[in-house]
Amino acid sequence: MARASGLSTDMRRLGYAAFKDLHIEPVVKTEGDSYARCAVRCLELFQSIDLIRQALDKLPEGELAAKVTGNPNGEVMARTEQPRGEVVYGIKANGSKNLQRFRVRTPTFANLPAMVKLLQGCDLADVPVAVLTIDPCISCTER
């Protein structure tokens, strides 16, 4: 929703994981309407293909799997990009096999308040189009 409204925001540009080695330009439209949201999603498909090609070109030789040993200990907050927007993970562990706390704030959860504003004053026939351009994952918000 943000990039279809002129905001050039993309968590991948922060350089986490392999994204620090890839060239990423956020797809941005300024119209802020349903057409712009659909256009951004479509253009991001082509961008994803380009990112996959870049990643494959830079993939090092050797074993891909990483061995994990022990149980996590500590607390971390991480933000990353998903197709619907930014997702935030909060994890707290105490060294046992079970986490103390695991919290996820999904993009749909963040987009719902905007959708409520977006639908104010809409004709009934416009509601399905507007909702589908946000692509809500309702099960992501039911907790």
N, C-alpha and C. Protein backbone atom coordinates (compact mmCIF):
# COMPACT_ATOMS: atom_id res chain seq x y z
N MET A 1 0.82 -1.19 0.00
CA MET A 1 0.00 0.00 0.00
C MET A 1 0.86 1.25 0.00
N ALA A 2 1.96 1.21 0.75
CA ALA A 2 2.81 2.40 0.85
C ALA A 2 3.46 2.74 -0.49
N ARG A 3 3.98 1.73 -1.17
CA ARG A 3 4.67 1.99 -2.43
C ARG A 3 3.70 2.41 -3.54
N ALA A 4 2.45 2.04 -3.43
CA ALA A 4 1.46 2.47 -4.41
C ALA A 4 0.98 3.89 -4.13
N SER A 5 1.42 4.44 -3.00
CA SER A 5 1.06 5.81 -2.63
C SER A 5 2.27 6.74 -2.62
N GLY A 6 3.34 6.33 -3.29
CA GLY A 6 4.50 7.20 -3.45
C GLY A 6 5.59 7.07 -2.41
N LEU A 7 5.46 6.16 -1.44
CA LEU A 7 6.50 5.99 -0.43
C LEU A 7 7.51 4.95 -0.90
N SER A 8 8.75 5.34 -0.99
CA SER A 8 9.81 4.45 -1.47
C SER A 8 10.40 3.70 -0.28
N THR A 9 9.60 2.85 0.33
CA THR A 9 10.03 2.10 1.49
C THR A 9 10.14 0.62 1.13
N ASP A 10 11.22 -0.01 1.55
CA ASP A 10 11.42 -1.44 1.28
C ASP A 10 12.42 -1.96 2.30
N MET A 11 11.97 -2.85 3.16
CA MET A 11 12.82 -3.37 4.24
C MET A 11 14.07 -4.06 3.70
N ARG A 12 14.00 -4.60 2.51
CA ARG A 12 15.15 -5.31 1.94
C ARG A 12 16.33 -4.38 1.71
N ARG A 13 16.08 -3.08 1.58
CA ARG A 13 17.16 -2.12 1.37
C ARG A 13 17.99 -1.91 2.63
N LEU A 14 17.53 -2.39 3.77
CA LEU A 14 18.32 -2.30 5.00
C LEU A 14 19.53 -3.22 4.94
N GLY A 15 19.51 -4.19 4.02
CA GLY A 15 20.67 -5.05 3.81
C GLY A 15 20.72 -6.28 4.69
N TYR A 16 19.60 -6.78 5.16
CA TYR A 16 19.63 -8.01 5.95
C TYR A 16 19.80 -9.22 5.04
N ALA A 17 20.34 -10.27 5.61
CA ALA A 17 20.57 -11.54 4.91
C ALA A 17 21.33 -11.28 3.60
N ALA A 18 20.92 -11.92 2.52
CA ALA A 18 21.63 -11.78 1.24
C ALA A 18 21.25 -10.50 0.51
N PHE A 19 20.25 -9.77 0.99
CA PHE A 19 19.81 -8.57 0.28
C PHE A 19 20.89 -7.49 0.25
N LYS A 20 21.86 -7.56 1.17
CA LYS A 20 22.93 -6.56 1.16
C LYS A 20 23.79 -6.68 -0.11
N ASP A 21 23.76 -7.84 -0.76
CA ASP A 21 24.55 -8.08 -1.96
C ASP A 21 23.75 -7.90 -3.26
N LEU A 22 22.48 -7.54 -3.15
CA LEU A 22 21.62 -7.42 -4.33
C LEU A 22 21.21 -5.97 -4.56
N HIS A 23 21.03 -5.62 -5.81
CA HIS A 23 20.56 -4.28 -6.16
C HIS A 23 19.03 -4.28 -6.13
N ILE A 24 18.47 -3.44 -5.27
CA ILE A 24 17.02 -3.39 -5.10
C ILE A 24 16.56 -1.94 -5.23
N GLU A 25 15.64 -1.72 -6.13
CA GLU A 25 14.97 -0.43 -6.28
C GLU A 25 13.49 -0.66 -6.04
N PRO A 26 12.91 -0.06 -5.00
CA PRO A 26 11.49 -0.27 -4.76
C PRO A 26 10.63 0.18 -5.95
N VAL A 27 9.61 -0.59 -6.24
CA VAL A 27 8.65 -0.23 -7.28
C VAL A 27 7.68 0.76 -6.63
N VAL A 28 7.60 1.96 -7.18
CA VAL A 28 6.78 3.01 -6.58
C VAL A 28 5.82 3.60 -7.62
N LYS A 29 4.59 3.76 -7.23
CA LYS A 29 3.57 4.49 -7.99
C LYS A 29 3.04 5.58 -7.07
N THR A 30 2.56 6.66 -7.63
CA THR A 30 2.13 7.78 -6.80
C THR A 30 0.61 7.97 -6.73
N GLU A 31 -0.13 7.23 -7.54
CA GLU A 31 -1.58 7.47 -7.62
C GLU A 31 -2.32 7.07 -6.35
N GLY A 32 -1.88 6.01 -5.66
CA GLY A 32 -2.52 5.59 -4.42
C GLY A 32 -3.87 4.92 -4.58
N ASP A 33 -4.24 4.55 -5.79
CA ASP A 33 -5.55 3.93 -6.01
C ASP A 33 -5.40 2.43 -6.23
N SER A 34 -6.52 1.77 -6.49
CA SER A 34 -6.52 0.32 -6.68
C SER A 34 -5.66 -0.09 -7.86
N TYR A 35 -5.71 0.69 -8.94
CA TYR A 35 -4.89 0.38 -10.11
C TYR A 35 -3.40 0.44 -9.76
N ALA A 36 -3.00 1.44 -9.00
CA ALA A 36 -1.59 1.59 -8.61
C ALA A 36 -1.15 0.42 -7.73
N ARG A 37 -2.01 -0.02 -6.81
CA ARG A 37 -1.66 -1.16 -5.96
C ARG A 37 -1.48 -2.42 -6.79
N CYS A 38 -2.36 -2.64 -7.77
CA CYS A 38 -2.21 -3.81 -8.66
C CYS A 38 -0.95 -3.69 -9.51
N ALA A 39 -0.67 -2.50 -10.01
CA ALA A 39 0.52 -2.29 -10.85
C ALA A 39 1.79 -2.56 -10.05
N VAL A 40 1.84 -2.09 -8.81
CA VAL A 40 3.02 -2.32 -7.96
C VAL A 40 3.21 -3.82 -7.75
N ARG A 41 2.13 -4.53 -7.44
CA ARG A 41 2.25 -5.98 -7.21
C ARG A 41 2.75 -6.70 -8.46
N CYS A 42 2.24 -6.32 -9.63
CA CYS A 42 2.67 -6.96 -10.88
C CYS A 42 4.13 -6.65 -11.18
N LEU A 43 4.51 -5.39 -11.04
CA LEU A 43 5.91 -5.02 -11.31
C LEU A 43 6.86 -5.66 -10.30
N GLU A 44 6.39 -5.90 -9.08
CA GLU A 44 7.22 -6.57 -8.08
C GLU A 44 7.46 -8.03 -8.44
N LEU A 45 6.56 -8.64 -9.20
CA LEU A 45 6.79 -10.00 -9.68
C LEU A 45 8.03 -10.03 -10.58
N PHE A 46 8.12 -9.07 -11.51
CA PHE A 46 9.29 -8.99 -12.38
C PHE A 46 10.55 -8.67 -11.58
N GLN A 47 10.41 -7.81 -10.58
CA GLN A 47 11.54 -7.49 -9.72
C GLN A 47 12.02 -8.73 -8.97
N SER A 48 11.09 -9.56 -8.51
CA SER A 48 11.45 -10.79 -7.80
C SER A 48 12.25 -11.73 -8.69
N ILE A 49 11.85 -11.83 -9.94
CA ILE A 49 12.60 -12.66 -10.89
C ILE A 49 14.02 -12.13 -11.04
N ASP A 50 14.16 -10.81 -11.13
CA ASP A 50 15.49 -10.20 -11.23
C ASP A 50 16.31 -10.48 -9.98
N LEU A 51 15.70 -10.39 -8.81
CA LEU A 51 16.42 -10.65 -7.56
C LEU A 51 16.88 -12.11 -7.47
N ILE A 52 16.03 -13.02 -7.94
CA ILE A 52 16.41 -14.44 -7.96
C ILE A 52 17.61 -14.65 -8.88
N ARG A 53 17.58 -14.02 -10.04
CA ARG A 53 18.72 -14.14 -10.98
C ARG A 53 20.00 -13.57 -10.36
N GLN A 54 19.89 -12.41 -9.71
CA GLN A 54 21.06 -11.83 -9.05
C GLN A 54 21.60 -12.77 -7.97
N ALA A 55 20.69 -13.33 -7.17
CA ALA A 55 21.10 -14.22 -6.08
C ALA A 55 21.78 -15.48 -6.62
N LEU A 56 21.23 -16.05 -7.68
CA LEU A 56 21.84 -17.25 -8.26
C LEU A 56 23.22 -16.96 -8.82
N ASP A 57 23.41 -15.78 -9.41
CA ASP A 57 24.72 -15.41 -9.93
C ASP A 57 25.76 -15.26 -8.82
N LYS A 58 25.31 -14.87 -7.62
CA LYS A 58 26.24 -14.62 -6.51
C LYS A 58 26.30 -15.78 -5.52
N LEU A 59 25.59 -16.86 -5.81
CA LEU A 59 25.56 -18.00 -4.90
C LEU A 59 26.93 -18.66 -4.85
N PRO A 60 27.53 -18.77 -3.66
CA PRO A 60 28.86 -19.38 -3.57
C PRO A 60 28.82 -20.89 -3.77
N GLU A 61 29.94 -21.43 -4.17
CA GLU A 61 30.07 -22.88 -4.32
C GLU A 61 30.10 -23.52 -2.94
N GLY A 62 29.70 -24.77 -2.86
CA GLY A 62 29.80 -25.51 -1.60
C GLY A 62 28.45 -25.88 -1.04
N GLU A 63 28.51 -26.40 0.19
CA GLU A 63 27.31 -26.88 0.87
C GLU A 63 26.38 -25.72 1.24
N LEU A 64 25.09 -25.92 1.08
CA LEU A 64 24.13 -24.87 1.36
C LEU A 64 23.55 -24.94 2.76
N ALA A 65 23.48 -26.11 3.35
CA ALA A 65 22.85 -26.27 4.65
C ALA A 65 23.78 -25.79 5.76
N ALA A 66 23.20 -25.17 6.77
CA ALA A 66 23.96 -24.73 7.95
C ALA A 66 23.55 -25.61 9.12
N LYS A 67 24.53 -26.08 9.85
CA LYS A 67 24.25 -26.93 11.00
C LYS A 67 23.85 -26.04 12.19
N VAL A 68 22.79 -26.43 12.87
CA VAL A 68 22.31 -25.69 14.03
C VAL A 68 22.46 -26.57 15.25
N THR A 69 23.09 -26.05 16.28
CA THR A 69 23.26 -26.81 17.52
C THR A 69 22.80 -25.96 18.69
N GLY A 70 22.36 -26.61 19.75
CA GLY A 70 21.95 -25.91 20.95
C GLY A 70 20.59 -25.27 20.84
N ASN A 71 20.19 -24.62 21.92
CA ASN A 71 18.91 -23.92 21.98
C ASN A 71 19.15 -22.42 22.07
N PRO A 72 18.26 -21.63 21.49
CA PRO A 72 18.47 -20.18 21.50
C PRO A 72 18.35 -19.60 22.91
N ASN A 73 19.07 -18.50 23.11
CA ASN A 73 19.02 -17.80 24.39
C ASN A 73 19.12 -16.30 24.11
N GLY A 74 18.18 -15.53 24.61
CA GLY A 74 18.20 -14.09 24.41
C GLY A 74 16.91 -13.58 23.81
N GLU A 75 16.98 -12.34 23.36
CA GLU A 75 15.79 -11.68 22.82
C GLU A 75 16.17 -10.95 21.54
N VAL A 76 15.29 -11.01 20.54
CA VAL A 76 15.56 -10.36 19.26
C VAL A 76 14.26 -9.83 18.66
N MET A 77 14.41 -8.72 17.97
CA MET A 77 13.30 -8.14 17.22
C MET A 77 13.81 -7.99 15.79
N ALA A 78 13.06 -8.49 14.81
CA ALA A 78 13.51 -8.43 13.42
C ALA A 78 12.37 -7.96 12.53
N ARG A 79 12.72 -7.14 11.54
CA ARG A 79 11.76 -6.66 10.55
C ARG A 79 12.22 -7.16 9.19
N THR A 80 11.26 -7.60 8.39
CA THR A 80 11.58 -8.09 7.06
C THR A 80 10.43 -7.79 6.10
N GLU A 81 10.68 -8.00 4.84
CA GLU A 81 9.71 -7.68 3.79
C GLU A 81 8.94 -8.95 3.39
N GLN A 82 7.65 -8.81 3.24
CA GLN A 82 6.80 -9.86 2.70
C GLN A 82 5.98 -9.27 1.56
N PRO A 83 5.32 -10.09 0.75
CA PRO A 83 4.58 -9.55 -0.39
C PRO A 83 3.52 -8.51 -0.01
N ARG A 84 2.95 -8.61 1.17
CA ARG A 84 1.91 -7.66 1.58
C ARG A 84 2.48 -6.45 2.32
N GLY A 85 3.77 -6.46 2.63
CA GLY A 85 4.39 -5.35 3.36
C GLY A 85 5.39 -5.83 4.40
N GLU A 86 5.58 -5.01 5.43
CA GLU A 86 6.58 -5.29 6.45
C GLU A 86 6.02 -6.22 7.52
N VAL A 87 6.81 -7.23 7.90
CA VAL A 87 6.44 -8.13 8.99
C VAL A 87 7.47 -7.93 10.10
N VAL A 88 7.00 -7.98 11.35
CA VAL A 88 7.87 -7.78 12.51
C VAL A 88 7.79 -9.03 13.37
N TYR A 89 8.96 -9.58 13.71
CA TYR A 89 9.06 -10.75 14.58
C TYR A 89 9.70 -10.34 15.90
N GLY A 90 9.13 -10.79 17.00
CA GLY A 90 9.73 -10.61 18.32
C GLY A 90 9.88 -11.97 18.95
N ILE A 91 11.10 -12.32 19.35
CA ILE A 91 11.36 -13.65 19.91
C ILE A 91 12.14 -13.50 21.20
N LYS A 92 11.73 -14.24 22.22
CA LYS A 92 12.43 -14.27 23.50
C LYS A 92 12.64 -15.73 23.87
N ALA A 93 13.90 -16.08 24.16
CA ALA A 93 14.23 -17.47 24.49
C ALA A 93 15.09 -17.50 25.74
N ASN A 94 15.05 -18.63 26.46
CA ASN A 94 15.83 -18.76 27.70
C ASN A 94 16.79 -19.95 27.67
N GLY A 95 17.12 -20.46 26.50
CA GLY A 95 18.06 -21.57 26.39
C GLY A 95 17.40 -22.94 26.44
N SER A 96 16.08 -22.99 26.70
CA SER A 96 15.39 -24.29 26.70
C SER A 96 14.90 -24.58 25.29
N LYS A 97 14.29 -25.75 25.11
CA LYS A 97 13.81 -26.11 23.77
C LYS A 97 12.54 -25.36 23.38
N ASN A 98 11.88 -24.70 24.33
CA ASN A 98 10.66 -23.93 24.05
C ASN A 98 10.93 -22.44 24.19
N LEU A 99 10.37 -21.65 23.28
CA LEU A 99 10.52 -20.20 23.35
C LEU A 99 9.65 -19.65 24.48
N GLN A 100 10.12 -18.57 25.12
CA GLN A 100 9.31 -17.91 26.14
C GLN A 100 8.21 -17.07 25.50
N ARG A 101 8.57 -16.40 24.42
CA ARG A 101 7.61 -15.53 23.73
C ARG A 101 7.95 -15.48 22.26
N PHE A 102 6.90 -15.51 21.44
CA PHE A 102 7.05 -15.37 19.99
C PHE A 102 5.90 -14.51 19.51
N ARG A 103 6.23 -13.36 18.97
CA ARG A 103 5.20 -12.41 18.54
C ARG A 103 5.45 -12.03 17.09
N VAL A 104 4.38 -11.99 16.30
CA VAL A 104 4.47 -11.62 14.89
C VAL A 104 3.43 -10.54 14.62
N ARG A 105 3.88 -9.45 13.99
CA ARG A 105 2.96 -8.42 13.51
C ARG A 105 2.99 -8.49 11.98
N THR A 106 1.92 -9.01 11.42
CA THR A 106 1.88 -9.26 9.97
C THR A 106 1.51 -7.99 9.20
N PRO A 107 1.85 -7.96 7.90
CA PRO A 107 1.50 -6.80 7.09
C PRO A 107 -0.01 -6.55 7.01
N THR A 108 -0.79 -7.60 6.94
CA THR A 108 -2.24 -7.42 6.87
C THR A 108 -2.75 -6.71 8.11
N PHE A 109 -2.20 -7.06 9.27
CA PHE A 109 -2.62 -6.42 10.51
C PHE A 109 -2.37 -4.92 10.45
N ALA A 110 -1.25 -4.52 9.83
CA ALA A 110 -0.93 -3.10 9.68
C ALA A 110 -1.78 -2.43 8.59
N ASN A 111 -2.19 -3.19 7.59
CA ASN A 111 -2.95 -2.62 6.47
C ASN A 111 -4.45 -2.48 6.76
N LEU A 112 -4.97 -3.22 7.73
CA LEU A 112 -6.41 -3.17 8.00
C LEU A 112 -6.91 -1.79 8.41
N PRO A 113 -6.22 -1.06 9.30
CA PRO A 113 -6.71 0.28 9.63
C PRO A 113 -6.75 1.20 8.40
N ALA A 114 -5.77 1.06 7.50
CA ALA A 114 -5.77 1.86 6.28
C ALA A 114 -6.94 1.46 5.39
N MET A 115 -7.27 0.16 5.37
CA MET A 115 -8.37 -0.30 4.54
C MET A 115 -9.69 0.28 5.04
N VAL A 116 -9.85 0.40 6.35
CA VAL A 116 -11.08 0.98 6.91
C VAL A 116 -11.23 2.42 6.41
N LYS A 117 -10.14 3.19 6.43
CA LYS A 117 -10.18 4.57 5.92
C LYS A 117 -10.43 4.59 4.41
N LEU A 118 -9.80 3.66 3.71
CA LEU A 118 -9.91 3.59 2.26
C LEU A 118 -11.35 3.33 1.81
N LEU A 119 -12.08 2.55 2.58
CA LEU A 119 -13.43 2.17 2.18
C LEU A 119 -14.49 3.21 2.54
N GLN A 120 -14.14 4.19 3.37
CA GLN A 120 -15.11 5.22 3.74
C GLN A 120 -15.52 6.02 2.51
N GLY A 121 -16.81 6.09 2.27
CA GLY A 121 -17.34 6.85 1.14
C GLY A 121 -17.32 6.11 -0.18
N CYS A 122 -16.83 4.86 -0.20
CA CYS A 122 -16.80 4.07 -1.44
C CYS A 122 -18.21 3.61 -1.81
N ASP A 123 -18.43 3.43 -3.09
CA ASP A 123 -19.65 2.75 -3.54
C ASP A 123 -19.49 1.27 -3.22
N LEU A 124 -20.58 0.59 -2.99
CA LEU A 124 -20.54 -0.83 -2.64
C LEU A 124 -19.82 -1.64 -3.71
N ALA A 125 -19.99 -1.28 -4.97
CA ALA A 125 -19.36 -2.02 -6.07
C ALA A 125 -17.83 -1.87 -6.05
N ASP A 126 -17.31 -0.82 -5.41
CA ASP A 126 -15.86 -0.60 -5.34
C ASP A 126 -15.19 -1.37 -4.21
N VAL A 127 -15.96 -1.83 -3.25
CA VAL A 127 -15.39 -2.48 -2.06
C VAL A 127 -14.58 -3.73 -2.40
N PRO A 128 -15.11 -4.69 -3.19
CA PRO A 128 -14.31 -5.89 -3.48
C PRO A 128 -12.97 -5.58 -4.16
N VAL A 129 -12.97 -4.65 -5.07
CA VAL A 129 -11.73 -4.30 -5.77
C VAL A 129 -10.73 -3.69 -4.79
N ALA A 130 -11.19 -2.76 -3.97
CA ALA A 130 -10.30 -2.11 -3.02
C ALA A 130 -9.73 -3.11 -2.03
N VAL A 131 -10.56 -4.00 -1.52
CA VAL A 131 -10.10 -5.00 -0.54
C VAL A 131 -9.11 -5.96 -1.19
N LEU A 132 -9.40 -6.42 -2.40
CA LEU A 132 -8.52 -7.38 -3.05
C LEU A 132 -7.17 -6.77 -3.44
N THR A 133 -7.11 -5.47 -3.69
CA THR A 133 -5.81 -4.87 -4.01
C THR A 133 -4.90 -4.79 -2.79
N ILE A 134 -5.49 -4.84 -1.61
CA ILE A 134 -4.70 -4.90 -0.38
C ILE A 134 -4.25 -6.34 -0.13
N ASP A 135 -4.98 -7.29 -0.71
CA ASP A 135 -4.68 -8.72 -0.59
C ASP A 135 -4.59 -9.15 0.87
N PRO A 136 -5.66 -8.93 1.63
CA PRO A 136 -5.57 -9.26 3.05
C PRO A 136 -5.52 -10.77 3.32
N CYS A 137 -4.75 -11.13 4.30
CA CYS A 137 -4.70 -12.51 4.77
C CYS A 137 -5.36 -12.47 6.16
N ILE A 138 -6.64 -12.71 6.19
CA ILE A 138 -7.40 -12.56 7.43
C ILE A 138 -6.91 -13.54 8.50
N SER A 139 -6.50 -14.74 8.09
CA SER A 139 -6.01 -15.69 9.09
C SER A 139 -4.73 -15.18 9.76
N CYS A 140 -3.98 -14.29 9.11
CA CYS A 140 -2.79 -13.70 9.71
C CYS A 140 -3.13 -12.76 10.86
N THR A 141 -4.33 -12.24 10.87
CA THR A 141 -4.71 -11.26 11.90
C THR A 141 -5.51 -11.89 13.03
N GLU A 142 -5.98 -13.10 12.88
CA GLU A 142 -6.80 -13.73 13.92
C GLU A 142 -5.90 -14.47 14.90
N ARG A 143 -5.71 -13.83 16.03
CA ARG A 143 -4.85 -14.45 17.08
C ARG A 143 -5.50 -14.31 18.41
